[in-house]
């Protein structure tokens, strides 16, 4: 997500070409992040809302943090606001009777991916978002602290808890420790 300050400044001033540059540079990353937060049904609408909020508030970006941190925080807030509004969690439909058949057999890549998606969907929103930002977006603890507006030490403890919770959910689904 590399956008120069000039493009941001022009976009904040209403320059449509600069806004297009910012949008195109950010869209994939924001969409993937919001997919993890709100799920596939609402991701397009929430992404659109996030960009509307981004461009409406671009003039208030004070350069106290990295632009990417500011954008992530805005997108996370938009996703969480959406979840609070609809008061639901995204849960992957699952035939519980099929789970025991996963234990004790060699699973192919699709089975492991599906189990991971199910386990992730069963985490609380904050843990799922934190894991996505760290493991998929590969953000630093400092960036995560800025996005989530928490101390860096708290990032570490929450990340450890989220990883432990994910492991517990994977094991409950039949994931075998040591499986990769």
N, C-alpha and C. Protein backbone atom coordinates (compact mmCIF):
# COMPACT_ATOMS: atom_id res chain seq x y z
N UNK A 1 0.85 -1.17 0.00
CA UNK A 1 0.00 0.00 0.00
C UNK A 1 0.89 1.23 0.00
N UNK A 2 1.51 1.48 -1.11
CA UNK A 2 2.43 2.60 -1.21
C UNK A 2 1.77 3.72 -2.00
N UNK A 3 1.45 4.76 -1.29
CA UNK A 3 0.84 5.93 -1.92
C UNK A 3 1.64 7.14 -1.48
N UNK A 4 2.01 7.97 -2.44
CA UNK A 4 2.81 9.14 -2.07
C UNK A 4 1.92 10.22 -1.45
N UNK A 5 2.55 11.04 -0.64
CA UNK A 5 1.84 12.10 0.06
C UNK A 5 1.18 13.09 -0.87
N UNK A 6 1.76 13.29 -2.03
CA UNK A 6 1.17 14.21 -3.00
C UNK A 6 -0.19 13.72 -3.45
N UNK A 7 -0.30 12.42 -3.76
CA UNK A 7 -1.58 11.85 -4.19
C UNK A 7 -2.62 11.97 -3.09
N UNK A 8 -2.20 11.72 -1.85
CA UNK A 8 -3.12 11.84 -0.72
C UNK A 8 -3.61 13.28 -0.59
N UNK A 9 -2.69 14.22 -0.68
CA UNK A 9 -3.06 15.63 -0.58
C UNK A 9 -4.01 16.06 -1.68
N UNK A 10 -3.71 15.65 -2.91
CA UNK A 10 -4.60 15.99 -4.03
C UNK A 10 -5.96 15.34 -3.87
N UNK A 11 -5.98 14.08 -3.44
CA UNK A 11 -7.25 13.38 -3.23
C UNK A 11 -8.06 14.06 -2.14
N UNK A 12 -7.39 14.51 -1.08
CA UNK A 12 -8.08 15.22 0.00
C UNK A 12 -8.71 16.51 -0.50
N UNK A 13 -8.07 17.12 -1.51
CA UNK A 13 -8.59 18.35 -2.09
C UNK A 13 -9.68 18.13 -3.12
N UNK A 14 -10.04 16.87 -3.36
CA UNK A 14 -11.13 16.57 -4.28
C UNK A 14 -10.70 16.21 -5.69
N UNK A 15 -9.41 16.11 -5.95
CA UNK A 15 -8.91 15.74 -7.27
C UNK A 15 -9.33 14.31 -7.59
N UNK A 16 -10.20 14.16 -8.59
CA UNK A 16 -10.78 12.84 -8.92
C UNK A 16 -9.72 11.85 -9.40
N UNK A 17 -8.75 12.31 -10.16
CA UNK A 17 -7.70 11.41 -10.65
C UNK A 17 -6.86 10.89 -9.48
N UNK A 18 -6.55 11.75 -8.53
CA UNK A 18 -5.79 11.34 -7.35
C UNK A 18 -6.62 10.40 -6.48
N UNK A 19 -7.91 10.67 -6.37
CA UNK A 19 -8.79 9.78 -5.62
C UNK A 19 -8.81 8.40 -6.26
N UNK A 20 -8.80 8.35 -7.57
CA UNK A 20 -8.78 7.08 -8.29
C UNK A 20 -7.48 6.32 -7.99
N UNK A 21 -6.36 7.04 -7.95
CA UNK A 21 -5.07 6.42 -7.63
C UNK A 21 -5.10 5.84 -6.22
N UNK A 22 -5.61 6.59 -5.27
CA UNK A 22 -5.70 6.12 -3.88
C UNK A 22 -6.62 4.91 -3.81
N UNK A 23 -7.78 4.99 -4.44
CA UNK A 23 -8.74 3.89 -4.43
C UNK A 23 -8.14 2.61 -5.00
N UNK A 24 -7.51 2.72 -6.16
CA UNK A 24 -6.94 1.54 -6.81
C UNK A 24 -5.78 0.94 -6.00
N UNK A 25 -5.02 1.79 -5.34
CA UNK A 25 -3.90 1.30 -4.53
C UNK A 25 -4.38 0.59 -3.27
N UNK A 26 -5.52 0.98 -2.75
CA UNK A 26 -6.01 0.46 -1.47
C UNK A 26 -7.08 -0.62 -1.58
N UNK A 27 -7.79 -0.66 -2.69
CA UNK A 27 -9.00 -1.47 -2.76
C UNK A 27 -8.81 -2.93 -2.35
N UNK A 28 -7.86 -3.63 -2.96
CA UNK A 28 -7.69 -5.06 -2.67
C UNK A 28 -7.44 -5.33 -1.20
N UNK A 29 -6.57 -4.55 -0.62
CA UNK A 29 -6.21 -4.76 0.79
C UNK A 29 -7.39 -4.47 1.72
N UNK A 30 -8.09 -3.38 1.47
CA UNK A 30 -9.25 -3.03 2.30
C UNK A 30 -10.35 -4.08 2.13
N UNK A 31 -10.59 -4.52 0.90
CA UNK A 31 -11.62 -5.52 0.65
C UNK A 31 -11.30 -6.82 1.39
N UNK A 32 -10.05 -7.29 1.31
CA UNK A 32 -9.66 -8.54 2.00
C UNK A 32 -9.82 -8.41 3.51
N UNK A 33 -9.43 -7.27 4.04
CA UNK A 33 -9.57 -7.04 5.48
C UNK A 33 -11.04 -7.07 5.88
N UNK A 34 -11.87 -6.37 5.13
CA UNK A 34 -13.29 -6.33 5.46
C UNK A 34 -13.99 -7.67 5.22
N UNK A 35 -13.50 -8.44 4.27
CA UNK A 35 -14.05 -9.79 4.08
C UNK A 35 -13.89 -10.59 5.35
N UNK A 36 -12.73 -10.49 6.00
CA UNK A 36 -12.48 -11.21 7.26
C UNK A 36 -13.37 -10.70 8.38
N UNK A 37 -13.71 -9.42 8.34
CA UNK A 37 -14.49 -8.84 9.44
C UNK A 37 -15.98 -9.09 9.26
N UNK A 38 -16.51 -8.80 8.07
CA UNK A 38 -17.97 -8.84 7.89
C UNK A 38 -18.46 -10.02 7.08
N UNK A 39 -17.57 -10.74 6.40
CA UNK A 39 -17.97 -11.90 5.62
C UNK A 39 -18.34 -11.54 4.19
N UNK A 40 -18.55 -12.58 3.37
CA UNK A 40 -18.74 -12.37 1.94
C UNK A 40 -20.05 -11.69 1.55
N UNK A 41 -21.07 -11.82 2.36
CA UNK A 41 -22.36 -11.24 2.01
C UNK A 41 -22.33 -9.72 2.01
N UNK A 42 -21.62 -9.13 2.98
CA UNK A 42 -21.65 -7.68 3.16
C UNK A 42 -20.38 -6.97 2.76
N UNK A 43 -19.36 -7.71 2.33
CA UNK A 43 -18.05 -7.10 2.11
C UNK A 43 -18.09 -5.99 1.06
N UNK A 44 -18.82 -6.16 -0.01
CA UNK A 44 -18.83 -5.12 -1.05
C UNK A 44 -19.45 -3.82 -0.55
N UNK A 45 -20.58 -3.93 0.15
CA UNK A 45 -21.24 -2.73 0.67
C UNK A 45 -20.39 -2.03 1.72
N UNK A 46 -19.79 -2.81 2.62
CA UNK A 46 -18.99 -2.20 3.69
C UNK A 46 -17.71 -1.60 3.11
N UNK A 47 -17.14 -2.24 2.09
CA UNK A 47 -15.96 -1.67 1.44
C UNK A 47 -16.31 -0.32 0.81
N UNK A 48 -17.46 -0.27 0.14
CA UNK A 48 -17.90 0.99 -0.45
C UNK A 48 -18.09 2.05 0.64
N UNK A 49 -18.72 1.67 1.75
CA UNK A 49 -18.90 2.61 2.86
C UNK A 49 -17.55 3.08 3.41
N UNK A 50 -16.60 2.15 3.51
CA UNK A 50 -15.28 2.51 4.02
C UNK A 50 -14.60 3.53 3.12
N UNK A 51 -14.70 3.34 1.81
CA UNK A 51 -14.08 4.31 0.90
C UNK A 51 -14.81 5.65 0.91
N UNK A 52 -16.11 5.61 1.06
CA UNK A 52 -16.84 6.88 1.18
C UNK A 52 -16.38 7.64 2.43
N UNK A 53 -16.22 6.91 3.53
CA UNK A 53 -15.75 7.53 4.77
C UNK A 53 -14.30 8.00 4.61
N UNK A 54 -13.48 7.18 3.93
CA UNK A 54 -12.08 7.55 3.72
C UNK A 54 -11.99 8.88 2.97
N UNK A 55 -12.72 9.01 1.87
CA UNK A 55 -12.61 10.24 1.08
C UNK A 55 -13.26 11.42 1.79
N UNK A 56 -14.30 11.17 2.57
CA UNK A 56 -14.94 12.25 3.32
C UNK A 56 -14.01 12.77 4.42
N UNK A 57 -13.16 11.88 4.96
CA UNK A 57 -12.30 12.26 6.08
C UNK A 57 -10.83 12.41 5.71
N UNK A 58 -10.51 12.30 4.45
CA UNK A 58 -9.11 12.34 4.02
C UNK A 58 -8.44 13.65 4.43
N UNK A 59 -9.18 14.72 4.44
CA UNK A 59 -8.63 16.01 4.85
C UNK A 59 -8.24 16.05 6.32
N UNK A 60 -8.79 15.12 7.11
CA UNK A 60 -8.47 15.11 8.54
C UNK A 60 -7.26 14.23 8.87
N UNK A 61 -6.69 13.58 7.85
CA UNK A 61 -5.48 12.78 8.08
C UNK A 61 -4.35 13.74 8.43
N UNK A 62 -3.82 13.60 9.66
CA UNK A 62 -2.85 14.56 10.19
C UNK A 62 -1.40 14.10 10.08
N UNK A 63 -1.16 12.98 9.45
CA UNK A 63 0.19 12.46 9.27
C UNK A 63 0.90 12.17 10.59
N UNK A 64 0.11 11.90 11.65
CA UNK A 64 0.68 11.50 12.94
C UNK A 64 1.04 10.02 12.94
N UNK A 65 0.50 9.30 11.98
CA UNK A 65 0.81 7.88 11.80
C UNK A 65 1.01 7.66 10.31
N UNK A 66 1.40 6.44 9.96
CA UNK A 66 1.52 6.10 8.55
C UNK A 66 0.12 6.13 7.92
N UNK A 67 0.05 6.49 6.66
CA UNK A 67 -1.23 6.53 5.96
C UNK A 67 -1.88 5.15 5.98
N UNK A 68 -1.07 4.09 5.79
CA UNK A 68 -1.62 2.74 5.78
C UNK A 68 -2.24 2.38 7.13
N UNK A 69 -1.64 2.84 8.22
CA UNK A 69 -2.20 2.60 9.55
C UNK A 69 -3.54 3.31 9.70
N UNK A 70 -3.61 4.53 9.25
CA UNK A 70 -4.85 5.31 9.31
C UNK A 70 -5.96 4.62 8.50
N UNK A 71 -5.61 4.15 7.30
CA UNK A 71 -6.60 3.48 6.44
C UNK A 71 -7.07 2.18 7.08
N UNK A 72 -6.15 1.39 7.62
CA UNK A 72 -6.53 0.15 8.29
C UNK A 72 -7.47 0.43 9.46
N UNK A 73 -7.13 1.44 10.26
CA UNK A 73 -7.98 1.77 11.41
C UNK A 73 -9.37 2.17 10.94
N UNK A 74 -9.43 2.98 9.89
CA UNK A 74 -10.72 3.40 9.35
C UNK A 74 -11.52 2.20 8.87
N UNK A 75 -10.89 1.28 8.15
CA UNK A 75 -11.58 0.10 7.62
C UNK A 75 -12.05 -0.82 8.75
N UNK A 76 -11.18 -1.04 9.74
CA UNK A 76 -11.56 -1.88 10.88
C UNK A 76 -12.76 -1.26 11.59
N UNK A 77 -12.70 0.03 11.83
CA UNK A 77 -13.82 0.70 12.51
C UNK A 77 -15.10 0.59 11.70
N UNK A 78 -15.00 0.73 10.39
CA UNK A 78 -16.19 0.62 9.54
C UNK A 78 -16.77 -0.79 9.63
N UNK A 79 -15.89 -1.80 9.59
CA UNK A 79 -16.35 -3.18 9.69
C UNK A 79 -17.00 -3.48 11.03
N UNK A 80 -16.37 -3.02 12.11
CA UNK A 80 -16.94 -3.25 13.44
C UNK A 80 -18.25 -2.50 13.63
N UNK A 81 -18.33 -1.30 13.09
CA UNK A 81 -19.58 -0.54 13.16
C UNK A 81 -20.69 -1.30 12.44
N UNK A 82 -20.37 -1.87 11.30
CA UNK A 82 -21.36 -2.66 10.56
C UNK A 82 -21.82 -3.85 11.39
N UNK A 83 -20.87 -4.57 12.00
CA UNK A 83 -21.24 -5.73 12.81
C UNK A 83 -22.13 -5.33 13.99
N UNK A 84 -21.81 -4.21 14.61
CA UNK A 84 -22.65 -3.75 15.72
C UNK A 84 -24.05 -3.40 15.23
N UNK A 85 -24.11 -2.83 14.03
CA UNK A 85 -25.40 -2.43 13.48
C UNK A 85 -26.28 -3.64 13.19
N UNK A 86 -25.72 -4.65 12.60
CA UNK A 86 -26.53 -5.81 12.23
C UNK A 86 -26.58 -6.84 13.35
N UNK A 87 -25.72 -6.67 14.37
CA UNK A 87 -25.70 -7.53 15.56
C UNK A 87 -25.71 -9.02 15.22
N UNK A 88 -24.73 -9.36 14.42
CA UNK A 88 -24.57 -10.78 14.10
C UNK A 88 -23.12 -11.07 13.85
N UNK A 89 -22.78 -12.32 13.90
CA UNK A 89 -21.43 -12.77 13.58
C UNK A 89 -21.50 -13.63 12.34
N UNK A 90 -20.43 -13.58 11.57
CA UNK A 90 -20.34 -14.42 10.39
C UNK A 90 -19.91 -15.81 10.85
N UNK A 91 -20.72 -16.81 10.55
CA UNK A 91 -20.38 -18.19 10.89
C UNK A 91 -20.55 -19.03 9.64
N UNK A 92 -19.51 -19.80 9.32
CA UNK A 92 -19.57 -20.66 8.15
C UNK A 92 -20.54 -21.80 8.44
N UNK A 93 -21.54 -22.04 7.58
CA UNK A 93 -22.45 -23.18 7.80
C UNK A 93 -21.64 -24.47 7.82
N UNK A 94 -22.02 -25.37 8.70
CA UNK A 94 -21.23 -26.57 8.88
C UNK A 94 -22.12 -27.73 9.25
N UNK A 95 -21.90 -28.85 8.62
CA UNK A 95 -22.57 -30.08 8.99
C UNK A 95 -21.73 -30.72 10.08
N UNK A 96 -22.15 -30.56 11.34
CA UNK A 96 -21.37 -31.05 12.48
C UNK A 96 -21.10 -32.55 12.38
N UNK A 97 -22.02 -33.31 11.77
CA UNK A 97 -21.84 -34.76 11.69
C UNK A 97 -20.63 -35.12 10.83
N UNK A 98 -20.19 -34.22 9.97
CA UNK A 98 -19.07 -34.52 9.09
C UNK A 98 -17.72 -34.34 9.78
N UNK A 99 -17.69 -33.66 10.92
CA UNK A 99 -16.42 -33.34 11.55
C UNK A 99 -15.62 -34.56 12.01
N UNK A 100 -16.21 -35.55 12.68
CA UNK A 100 -15.37 -36.65 13.16
C UNK A 100 -14.64 -37.38 12.05
N UNK A 101 -15.17 -37.36 10.84
CA UNK A 101 -14.49 -38.06 9.75
C UNK A 101 -13.17 -37.41 9.38
N UNK A 102 -12.95 -36.16 9.80
CA UNK A 102 -11.69 -35.48 9.52
C UNK A 102 -10.57 -36.01 10.40
N UNK A 103 -10.90 -36.44 11.61
CA UNK A 103 -9.89 -36.88 12.56
C UNK A 103 -9.33 -38.24 12.12
N UNK A 104 -8.00 -38.35 12.19
CA UNK A 104 -7.37 -39.63 11.95
C UNK A 104 -7.14 -39.97 10.49
N UNK A 105 -7.44 -39.08 9.57
CA UNK A 105 -7.14 -39.38 8.18
C UNK A 105 -6.32 -38.25 7.60
N UNK A 106 -5.61 -38.56 6.55
CA UNK A 106 -4.79 -37.53 5.91
C UNK A 106 -5.72 -36.59 5.16
N UNK A 107 -5.77 -35.33 5.56
CA UNK A 107 -6.64 -34.35 4.92
C UNK A 107 -5.89 -33.70 3.76
N UNK A 108 -6.61 -33.40 2.70
CA UNK A 108 -5.97 -32.68 1.61
C UNK A 108 -5.99 -31.19 1.93
N UNK A 109 -5.36 -30.40 1.09
CA UNK A 109 -5.23 -28.97 1.33
C UNK A 109 -6.58 -28.29 1.48
N UNK A 110 -7.58 -28.71 0.70
CA UNK A 110 -8.90 -28.10 0.78
C UNK A 110 -9.52 -28.33 2.16
N UNK A 111 -9.42 -29.55 2.68
CA UNK A 111 -9.98 -29.86 4.00
C UNK A 111 -9.34 -28.99 5.08
N UNK A 112 -8.04 -28.83 5.03
CA UNK A 112 -7.36 -28.02 6.03
C UNK A 112 -7.76 -26.55 5.91
N UNK A 113 -7.87 -26.08 4.69
CA UNK A 113 -8.27 -24.69 4.48
C UNK A 113 -9.69 -24.48 4.98
N UNK A 114 -10.57 -25.40 4.67
CA UNK A 114 -11.95 -25.29 5.12
C UNK A 114 -12.04 -25.31 6.65
N UNK A 115 -11.27 -26.19 7.28
CA UNK A 115 -11.26 -26.25 8.74
C UNK A 115 -10.74 -24.94 9.34
N UNK A 116 -9.71 -24.38 8.71
CA UNK A 116 -9.17 -23.11 9.19
C UNK A 116 -10.22 -22.01 9.08
N UNK A 117 -10.92 -21.96 7.96
CA UNK A 117 -11.97 -20.95 7.77
C UNK A 117 -13.08 -21.10 8.82
N UNK A 118 -13.46 -22.32 9.11
CA UNK A 118 -14.49 -22.57 10.11
C UNK A 118 -14.01 -22.12 11.48
N UNK A 119 -12.80 -22.51 11.83
CA UNK A 119 -12.24 -22.13 13.13
C UNK A 119 -12.13 -20.60 13.25
N UNK A 120 -11.67 -19.95 12.20
CA UNK A 120 -11.57 -18.49 12.23
C UNK A 120 -12.94 -17.85 12.39
N UNK A 121 -13.95 -18.40 11.73
CA UNK A 121 -15.29 -17.82 11.81
C UNK A 121 -15.86 -17.92 13.21
N UNK A 122 -15.33 -18.83 14.01
CA UNK A 122 -15.83 -19.03 15.37
C UNK A 122 -15.08 -18.21 16.42
N UNK A 123 -14.07 -17.47 15.99
CA UNK A 123 -13.37 -16.57 16.89
C UNK A 123 -14.18 -15.29 17.07
N UNK A 124 -13.94 -14.59 18.17
CA UNK A 124 -14.59 -13.30 18.33
C UNK A 124 -14.02 -12.34 17.28
N UNK A 125 -14.77 -11.30 16.99
CA UNK A 125 -14.39 -10.37 15.93
C UNK A 125 -13.00 -9.78 16.13
N UNK A 126 -12.70 -9.35 17.36
CA UNK A 126 -11.41 -8.72 17.63
C UNK A 126 -10.25 -9.67 17.36
N UNK A 127 -10.39 -10.93 17.76
CA UNK A 127 -9.32 -11.92 17.54
C UNK A 127 -9.15 -12.20 16.05
N UNK A 128 -10.25 -12.33 15.34
CA UNK A 128 -10.19 -12.61 13.90
C UNK A 128 -9.52 -11.45 13.16
N UNK A 129 -9.88 -10.24 13.53
CA UNK A 129 -9.28 -9.06 12.89
C UNK A 129 -7.79 -8.98 13.19
N UNK A 130 -7.43 -9.18 14.45
CA UNK A 130 -6.03 -9.12 14.85
C UNK A 130 -5.20 -10.16 14.11
N UNK A 131 -5.69 -11.39 14.04
CA UNK A 131 -4.95 -12.44 13.32
C UNK A 131 -4.81 -12.10 11.84
N UNK A 132 -5.85 -11.57 11.25
CA UNK A 132 -5.77 -11.20 9.83
C UNK A 132 -4.72 -10.11 9.62
N UNK A 133 -4.76 -9.08 10.44
CA UNK A 133 -3.81 -7.98 10.28
C UNK A 133 -2.37 -8.45 10.46
N UNK A 134 -2.14 -9.34 11.42
CA UNK A 134 -0.78 -9.80 11.70
C UNK A 134 -0.32 -10.87 10.71
N UNK A 135 -1.13 -11.89 10.50
CA UNK A 135 -0.70 -13.05 9.71
C UNK A 135 -0.87 -12.86 8.20
N UNK A 136 -1.91 -12.19 7.79
CA UNK A 136 -2.15 -12.00 6.35
C UNK A 136 -1.52 -10.70 5.86
N UNK A 137 -1.83 -9.61 6.56
CA UNK A 137 -1.29 -8.31 6.16
C UNK A 137 0.16 -8.14 6.63
N UNK A 138 0.60 -8.97 7.56
CA UNK A 138 1.97 -8.97 8.11
C UNK A 138 2.39 -7.61 8.65
N UNK A 139 1.48 -7.02 9.42
CA UNK A 139 1.78 -5.73 10.03
C UNK A 139 2.61 -5.93 11.29
N UNK A 140 3.38 -4.92 11.63
CA UNK A 140 4.21 -4.96 12.83
C UNK A 140 3.35 -4.71 14.06
N UNK A 141 3.91 -5.02 15.24
CA UNK A 141 3.20 -4.76 16.49
C UNK A 141 2.90 -3.26 16.61
N UNK A 142 3.85 -2.42 16.19
CA UNK A 142 3.64 -0.97 16.27
C UNK A 142 2.47 -0.55 15.39
N UNK A 143 2.40 -1.09 14.17
CA UNK A 143 1.29 -0.76 13.28
C UNK A 143 -0.03 -1.25 13.87
N UNK A 144 -0.03 -2.47 14.41
CA UNK A 144 -1.25 -3.02 15.01
C UNK A 144 -1.70 -2.16 16.19
N UNK A 145 -0.76 -1.73 17.00
CA UNK A 145 -1.10 -0.88 18.13
C UNK A 145 -1.76 0.42 17.66
N UNK A 146 -1.24 0.99 16.57
CA UNK A 146 -1.82 2.21 16.02
C UNK A 146 -3.20 2.00 15.45
N UNK A 147 -3.38 0.90 14.72
CA UNK A 147 -4.68 0.61 14.10
C UNK A 147 -5.74 0.33 15.17
N UNK A 148 -5.38 -0.48 16.15
CA UNK A 148 -6.34 -0.90 17.17
C UNK A 148 -6.41 0.06 18.35
N UNK A 149 -5.51 1.05 18.34
CA UNK A 149 -5.46 2.06 19.39
C UNK A 149 -5.29 1.44 20.77
N UNK A 150 -4.30 0.53 20.86
CA UNK A 150 -3.95 -0.13 22.11
C UNK A 150 -2.43 -0.14 22.24
N UNK A 151 -1.89 -0.30 23.47
CA UNK A 151 -0.43 -0.36 23.63
C UNK A 151 0.17 -1.58 22.94
N UNK A 152 1.43 -1.47 22.52
CA UNK A 152 2.10 -2.59 21.84
C UNK A 152 2.12 -3.85 22.68
N UNK A 153 2.32 -3.72 23.99
CA UNK A 153 2.33 -4.89 24.87
C UNK A 153 0.99 -5.61 24.87
N UNK A 154 -0.07 -4.85 24.76
CA UNK A 154 -1.41 -5.43 24.71
C UNK A 154 -1.60 -6.18 23.39
N UNK A 155 -1.00 -5.69 22.33
CA UNK A 155 -1.06 -6.39 21.04
C UNK A 155 -0.51 -7.80 21.21
N UNK A 156 0.64 -7.91 21.85
CA UNK A 156 1.27 -9.21 22.04
C UNK A 156 0.39 -10.17 22.83
N UNK A 157 -0.17 -9.69 23.93
CA UNK A 157 -0.99 -10.58 24.75
C UNK A 157 -2.28 -10.97 24.04
N UNK A 158 -2.89 -10.03 23.32
CA UNK A 158 -4.12 -10.36 22.57
C UNK A 158 -3.82 -11.31 21.41
N UNK A 159 -2.67 -11.12 20.79
CA UNK A 159 -2.30 -12.00 19.69
C UNK A 159 -2.05 -13.42 20.20
N UNK A 160 -1.39 -13.54 21.33
CA UNK A 160 -1.18 -14.86 21.92
C UNK A 160 -2.51 -15.53 22.26
N UNK A 161 -3.42 -14.77 22.84
CA UNK A 161 -4.74 -15.32 23.18
C UNK A 161 -5.50 -15.73 21.92
N UNK A 162 -5.43 -14.91 20.88
CA UNK A 162 -6.13 -15.22 19.63
C UNK A 162 -5.57 -16.49 18.99
N UNK A 163 -4.25 -16.64 19.01
CA UNK A 163 -3.63 -17.85 18.46
C UNK A 163 -4.01 -19.08 19.27
N UNK A 164 -4.04 -18.94 20.59
CA UNK A 164 -4.43 -20.06 21.45
C UNK A 164 -5.89 -20.44 21.19
N UNK A 165 -6.77 -19.44 21.09
CA UNK A 165 -8.18 -19.71 20.81
C UNK A 165 -8.36 -20.38 19.46
N UNK A 166 -7.61 -19.92 18.46
CA UNK A 166 -7.69 -20.53 17.13
C UNK A 166 -7.24 -21.98 17.20
N UNK A 167 -6.15 -22.23 17.89
CA UNK A 167 -5.65 -23.61 18.02
C UNK A 167 -6.70 -24.50 18.69
N UNK A 168 -7.32 -24.00 19.76
CA UNK A 168 -8.35 -24.77 20.46
C UNK A 168 -9.52 -25.10 19.53
N UNK A 169 -9.93 -24.14 18.73
CA UNK A 169 -11.05 -24.37 17.81
C UNK A 169 -10.66 -25.36 16.70
N UNK A 170 -9.43 -25.25 16.22
CA UNK A 170 -8.95 -26.20 15.21
C UNK A 170 -8.91 -27.61 15.77
N UNK A 171 -8.40 -27.77 16.97
CA UNK A 171 -8.33 -29.10 17.59
C UNK A 171 -9.73 -29.67 17.80
N UNK A 172 -10.67 -28.81 18.18
CA UNK A 172 -12.05 -29.26 18.38
C UNK A 172 -12.68 -29.73 17.07
N UNK A 173 -12.21 -29.19 15.95
CA UNK A 173 -12.72 -29.59 14.64
C UNK A 173 -12.04 -30.85 14.08
N UNK A 174 -11.03 -31.34 14.80
CA UNK A 174 -10.35 -32.54 14.35
C UNK A 174 -8.99 -32.30 13.73
N UNK A 175 -8.51 -31.08 13.76
CA UNK A 175 -7.18 -30.76 13.25
C UNK A 175 -6.17 -31.50 14.12
N UNK A 176 -5.21 -32.11 13.49
CA UNK A 176 -4.18 -32.83 14.25
C UNK A 176 -2.99 -31.93 14.45
N UNK A 177 -2.51 -31.82 15.71
CA UNK A 177 -1.33 -31.00 15.97
C UNK A 177 -0.18 -31.52 15.14
N UNK A 178 0.58 -30.60 14.61
CA UNK A 178 1.71 -30.98 13.76
C UNK A 178 1.31 -31.06 12.30
N UNK A 179 -0.01 -31.00 12.00
CA UNK A 179 -0.46 -31.01 10.60
C UNK A 179 -0.14 -29.65 10.00
N UNK A 180 0.26 -29.65 8.75
CA UNK A 180 0.55 -28.37 8.11
C UNK A 180 -0.17 -28.24 6.80
